[in-house]
Amino acid sequence: MLGFILSKMQMLLFAVGIAIVALLFYNFVTTIGLTEEAKTLLISTKKIVSDQITNDVLCSDDFTTLPDALKFGFNNDSFFYDFEFSKPPQLGSGDVKKNVLIMRIVEHRRSVATKKNVIYALSIDADAKFVLVDPGFLLETSGLDKSYNNEENTEILLYPRASSKNAVTASSPNAFVVVKEIQDGAKKIYIIPCSTEKEENNCLQNVLRVGCYKLKLDKLQLGGSPKADDKISSCFNKSTNASDRLEVSKNYTWAHCEILFPEVTGNIP
């Protein structure tokens, strides 16, 4: 009788051991699958940014739409994530300096107090300066003064899942535009968030909006202010159905900016 009980216990322990091994294997495969999905997304994004940096065109752009969630595992589970862009201080010294753009897939955090779980990360070294436009600029009340800053914006975060939810705020991008501009031999790469879910926040309009703000900054830095017929930089002067109040759909000027984006143009002293 005792031998029978011991035999049953051994079989039970064996079954439990098999279950634990199976669970560990499942978790291992699941983790690998999620990592590969994150890696694939980052590799494709890195190619888009790198192509903009290295192409010979003086002024170019491209945009990409981020998936709502990463799909992984045997059950094709959904993983909701934040897509981070960040730029650390320049590397190197003297004339040999490199700018770095870091891209990371991070598990979505409901609170900043939650520990950040990084799934995968890639970086790009470039001779271009990176300008990160914060997603907050998508709000129509934003004048871009806080969202657009070459030095202070060292990190921006996109949560693509939010853009597909109902009644979500306008500042929920599920895509971004990579715009390259070369002025006086200096190369800049702009990362501009946008949403493909909302017509009022379409990607071309957001590029145009940043162009209006740049025109304002450029004139203010020269000690003046934009004139009605001043044109937006060609890199940002995109044909778009931004407003049915305009008779033109391209070659926008400061006068058009004042109609389309009063929140951007209305703060000139």
Protein backbone atom coordinates (compact mmCIF):
# COMPACT_ATOMS: atom_id res chain seq x y z
CA MET A 1 0.00 0.00 0.00
CA LEU A 2 2.78 2.39 0.96
CA GLY A 3 4.57 1.58 -2.30
CA PHE A 4 1.40 2.35 -4.25
CA ILE A 5 1.05 5.73 -2.52
CA LEU A 6 4.70 6.57 -3.17
CA SER A 7 4.27 5.58 -6.79
CA LYS A 8 1.25 7.88 -7.11
CA MET A 9 3.19 10.71 -5.48
CA GLN A 10 6.09 10.20 -7.87
CA MET A 11 3.72 10.31 -10.81
CA LEU A 12 2.14 13.46 -9.45
CA LEU A 13 5.52 15.12 -8.94
CA PHE A 14 6.53 14.05 -12.44
CA ALA A 15 3.33 15.55 -13.88
CA VAL A 16 3.87 18.78 -11.95
CA GLY A 17 7.47 18.92 -13.18
CA ILE A 18 6.34 18.45 -16.77
CA ALA A 19 3.76 21.23 -16.33
CA ILE A 20 6.38 23.60 -14.91
CA VAL A 21 8.77 22.86 -17.76
CA ALA A 22 5.97 23.40 -20.28
CA LEU A 23 5.05 26.69 -18.64
CA LEU A 24 8.65 27.87 -18.62
CA PHE A 25 9.01 26.89 -22.27
CA TYR A 26 5.79 28.73 -23.14
CA ASN A 27 6.99 31.87 -21.32
CA PHE A 28 10.37 31.60 -23.05
CA VAL A 29 8.83 31.27 -26.52
CA THR A 30 6.35 34.06 -25.76
CA THR A 31 9.11 36.42 -24.62
CA ILE A 32 11.20 35.64 -27.68
CA GLY A 33 8.19 36.26 -29.92
CA LEU A 34 7.46 39.64 -28.34
CA THR A 35 11.11 40.68 -28.56
CA GLU A 36 11.23 39.74 -32.24
CA GLU A 37 8.07 41.75 -32.96
CA ALA A 38 9.54 44.80 -31.22
CA LYS A 39 12.85 44.34 -33.01
CA THR A 40 11.15 44.12 -36.42
CA LEU A 41 9.23 47.35 -35.82
CA LEU A 42 12.34 49.19 -34.68
CA ILE A 43 14.41 47.94 -37.62
CA SER A 44 11.83 49.20 -40.11
CA THR A 45 11.64 52.55 -38.30
CA LYS A 46 15.41 52.86 -38.21
CA LYS A 47 15.55 52.31 -41.97
CA ILE A 48 13.03 55.10 -42.57
CA VAL A 49 15.03 57.56 -40.47
CA SER A 50 18.40 56.42 -41.84
CA ASP A 51 17.20 56.72 -45.44
CA GLN A 52 16.19 60.31 -44.79
CA ILE A 53 19.59 61.08 -43.31
CA THR A 54 21.64 59.52 -46.10
CA ASN A 55 19.68 60.37 -49.25
CA ASP A 56 20.99 63.14 -51.52
CA VAL A 57 17.77 65.15 -51.63
CA LEU A 58 18.07 68.48 -49.81
CA CYS A 59 14.52 68.33 -48.55
CA SER A 60 12.54 65.12 -48.11
CA ASP A 61 10.03 63.40 -45.87
CA ASP A 62 8.46 60.03 -45.14
CA PHE A 63 5.96 58.81 -42.61
CA THR A 64 5.13 55.56 -40.93
CA THR A 65 2.06 54.28 -39.11
CA LEU A 66 2.61 52.36 -35.89
CA PRO A 67 0.55 49.23 -35.19
CA ASP A 68 -2.09 49.48 -32.52
CA ALA A 69 -0.39 46.65 -30.60
CA LEU A 70 2.32 44.04 -31.05
CA LYS A 71 0.96 40.55 -31.68
CA PHE A 72 2.89 37.63 -30.17
CA GLY A 73 2.67 34.14 -28.70
CA PHE A 74 0.69 31.05 -29.60
CA ASN A 75 -2.59 32.87 -28.96
CA ASN A 76 -1.61 35.97 -30.95
CA ASP A 77 -1.88 38.08 -27.80
CA SER A 78 -1.86 41.89 -27.93
CA PHE A 79 0.94 43.84 -26.27
CA PHE A 80 0.26 47.55 -25.77
CA TYR A 81 3.38 49.65 -25.88
CA ASP A 82 4.89 53.12 -25.88
CA PHE A 83 7.22 54.09 -28.71
CA GLU A 84 10.00 56.33 -27.42
CA PHE A 85 12.37 58.63 -29.27
CA SER A 86 15.18 60.19 -27.27
CA LYS A 87 18.41 62.04 -27.98
CA PRO A 88 21.29 61.99 -25.49
CA PRO A 89 24.03 64.66 -25.52
CA GLN A 90 26.38 64.68 -28.52
CA LEU A 91 29.08 62.04 -28.61
CA GLY A 92 32.72 62.83 -29.36
CA SER A 93 34.62 66.09 -29.12
CA GLY A 94 35.98 68.88 -31.28
CA ASP A 95 35.11 68.53 -34.96
CA VAL A 96 34.29 64.84 -34.56
CA LYS A 97 30.83 64.89 -33.00
CA LYS A 98 27.88 62.63 -33.59
CA ASN A 99 24.23 63.09 -32.76
CA VAL A 100 22.39 60.01 -31.55
CA LEU A 101 18.73 59.08 -31.82
CA ILE A 102 17.55 56.23 -29.57
CA MET A 103 14.32 54.39 -30.33
CA ARG A 104 12.73 52.06 -27.77
CA ILE A 105 9.68 49.84 -27.47
CA VAL A 106 8.49 50.04 -23.87
CA GLU A 107 5.57 48.36 -22.16
CA HIS A 108 2.82 50.95 -21.80
CA ARG A 109 2.78 52.48 -18.34
CA ARG A 110 -0.42 53.85 -16.82
CA SER A 111 1.65 55.83 -14.35
CA VAL A 112 5.15 57.31 -14.38
CA ALA A 113 5.64 55.61 -11.01
CA THR A 114 5.47 52.22 -12.73
CA LYS A 115 8.83 50.66 -13.50
CA LYS A 116 9.74 51.05 -17.17
CA ASN A 117 9.94 47.69 -18.95
CA VAL A 118 12.05 48.08 -22.11
CA ILE A 119 11.39 45.35 -24.69
CA TYR A 120 13.91 46.38 -27.35
CA ALA A 121 15.99 49.39 -28.37
CA LEU A 122 18.03 50.60 -31.36
CA SER A 123 20.09 53.73 -31.97
CA ILE A 124 21.19 55.82 -34.94
CA ASP A 125 24.39 57.84 -35.12
CA ALA A 126 24.25 60.75 -37.54
CA ASP A 127 25.81 64.02 -38.59
CA ALA A 128 22.30 65.51 -38.50
CA LYS A 129 20.70 67.32 -35.61
CA PHE A 130 17.50 65.69 -34.38
CA VAL A 131 14.45 67.80 -33.53
CA LEU A 132 11.76 65.97 -31.55
CA VAL A 133 8.31 67.56 -31.62
CA ASP A 134 6.25 66.57 -28.60
CA PRO A 135 2.82 64.98 -29.30
CA GLY A 136 1.24 67.70 -27.17
CA PHE A 137 1.46 70.03 -30.18
CA LEU A 138 -1.43 68.12 -31.77
CA LEU A 139 -3.79 69.88 -29.39
CA GLU A 140 -5.34 72.80 -31.24
CA THR A 141 -4.76 75.11 -28.26
CA SER A 142 -1.00 74.53 -28.33
CA GLY A 143 1.16 77.25 -29.81
CA LEU A 144 4.13 74.86 -30.06
CA ASP A 145 6.29 77.02 -27.78
CA LYS A 146 6.54 74.16 -25.26
CA SER A 147 6.24 71.25 -27.69
CA TYR A 148 8.90 72.43 -30.13
CA ASN A 149 12.32 73.07 -28.68
CA ASN A 150 15.59 71.90 -30.20
CA GLU A 151 17.39 71.59 -26.89
CA GLU A 152 14.83 70.84 -24.19
CA ASN A 153 12.84 68.12 -25.97
CA THR A 154 15.22 65.23 -25.36
CA GLU A 155 12.49 62.58 -25.34
CA ILE A 156 9.02 62.11 -26.80
CA LEU A 157 6.60 59.24 -26.33
CA LEU A 158 3.90 57.90 -28.67
CA TYR A 159 1.13 55.60 -27.46
CA PRO A 160 -0.52 54.33 -30.69
CA ARG A 161 -3.19 52.34 -28.87
CA ALA A 162 -4.82 55.56 -27.62
CA SER A 163 -5.56 56.88 -31.11
CA SER A 164 -7.92 53.99 -31.86
CA LYS A 165 -9.98 54.41 -28.70
CA ASN A 166 -13.25 56.30 -28.64
CA ALA A 167 -13.36 59.85 -27.28
CA VAL A 168 -9.58 60.03 -27.06
CA THR A 169 -7.82 63.38 -26.92
CA ALA A 170 -6.29 64.87 -30.05
CA SER A 171 -2.79 64.35 -28.69
CA SER A 172 -2.75 60.60 -29.35
CA PRO A 173 -0.58 59.95 -32.41
CA ASN A 174 -0.33 56.55 -34.07
CA ALA A 175 2.14 57.72 -36.73
CA PHE A 176 4.99 60.14 -37.28
CA VAL A 177 6.65 62.00 -40.14
CA VAL A 178 10.41 62.13 -40.61
CA VAL A 179 11.33 65.41 -42.34
CA LYS A 180 14.84 66.25 -43.46
CA GLU A 181 15.88 69.85 -44.04
CA ILE A 182 19.30 71.21 -45.05
CA GLN A 183 19.92 74.91 -44.47
CA ASP A 184 23.32 76.52 -44.95
CA GLY A 185 24.89 73.07 -45.09
CA ALA A 186 23.43 72.03 -41.72
CA LYS A 187 21.22 68.94 -41.72
CA LYS A 188 18.23 68.55 -39.42
CA ILE A 189 15.90 65.59 -38.99
CA TYR A 190 12.47 66.38 -37.55
CA ILE A 191 10.29 63.72 -35.91
CA ILE A 192 6.70 65.02 -36.12
CA PRO A 193 3.90 62.96 -34.51
CA CYS A 194 0.57 62.67 -36.28
CA SER A 195 -2.62 60.63 -36.36
CA THR A 196 -4.09 58.73 -39.28
CA GLU A 197 -7.31 58.26 -37.33
CA LYS A 198 -8.35 61.93 -37.31
CA GLU A 199 -8.58 64.09 -40.42
CA GLU A 200 -7.95 67.27 -38.44
CA ASN A 201 -4.62 65.86 -37.29
CA ASN A 202 -3.44 64.30 -40.54
CA CYS A 203 0.27 64.00 -41.11
CA LEU A 204 0.60 66.55 -43.91
CA GLN A 205 -1.23 69.18 -41.89
CA ASN A 206 1.04 68.61 -38.92
CA VAL A 207 4.12 69.10 -41.10
CA LEU A 208 2.58 72.32 -42.41
CA ARG A 209 1.83 73.47 -38.86
CA VAL A 210 5.43 72.96 -37.79
CA GLY A 211 6.48 74.87 -40.93
CA CYS A 212 4.38 77.86 -39.85
CA TYR A 213 5.95 77.79 -36.42
CA LYS A 214 9.46 77.54 -37.91
CA LEU A 215 8.79 80.58 -40.10
CA LYS A 216 7.73 82.49 -37.00
CA LEU A 217 10.87 81.46 -35.11
CA ASP A 218 13.21 82.27 -38.00
CA LYS A 219 11.82 85.80 -38.35
CA LEU A 220 11.83 86.47 -34.62
CA GLN A 221 15.46 85.36 -34.37
CA LEU A 222 16.32 87.96 -37.02
CA GLY A 223 14.64 90.65 -34.95
CA GLY A 224 11.50 90.97 -37.04
CA SER A 225 8.20 89.22 -37.66
CA PRO A 226 6.75 87.35 -40.64
CA LYS A 227 5.09 89.28 -43.44
CA ALA A 228 1.91 88.09 -45.10
CA ASP A 229 3.65 86.92 -48.29
CA ASP A 230 6.57 85.15 -46.56
CA LYS A 231 6.59 81.52 -47.66
CA ILE A 232 6.98 78.48 -45.45
CA SER A 233 10.17 76.50 -45.96
CA SER A 234 9.77 74.18 -48.95
CA CYS A 235 10.47 71.16 -46.74
CA PHE A 236 7.30 71.88 -44.77
CA ASN A 237 5.18 73.52 -47.48
CA LYS A 238 3.05 70.47 -48.21
CA SER A 239 -0.04 70.24 -50.36
CA THR A 240 -2.94 69.41 -48.07
CA ASN A 241 -6.67 69.87 -47.67
CA ALA A 242 -5.96 71.71 -44.43
CA SER A 243 -8.94 74.01 -44.71
CA ASP A 244 -11.80 74.70 -47.09
CA ARG A 245 -11.39 78.39 -46.22
CA LEU A 246 -8.33 78.66 -48.46
CA GLU A 247 -8.21 79.01 -52.23
CA VAL A 248 -4.82 77.31 -52.43
CA SER A 249 -3.69 73.81 -51.51
CA LYS A 250 0.07 74.39 -51.74
CA ASN A 251 2.71 77.15 -51.66
CA TYR A 252 1.46 78.36 -48.30
CA THR A 253 2.47 81.74 -46.89
CA TRP A 254 2.32 83.37 -43.47
CA ALA A 255 -1.12 84.76 -44.38
CA HIS A 256 -2.35 81.18 -44.81
CA CYS A 257 -0.74 80.21 -41.51
CA GLU A 258 -2.73 82.93 -39.75
CA ILE A 259 -5.96 81.43 -41.07
CA LEU A 260 -5.08 77.79 -40.47
CA PHE A 261 -3.18 77.96 -37.18
CA PRO A 262 -4.07 81.09 -35.18
CA GLU A 263 -2.80 79.38 -32.03
CA VAL A 264 0.66 79.30 -33.61
CA THR A 265 0.69 82.74 -35.23
CA GLY A 266 -1.15 84.81 -32.65
CA ASN A 267 1.65 85.22 -30.09
CA ILE A 268 3.94 87.61 -31.95
CA PRO A 269 4.90 90.68 -29.86
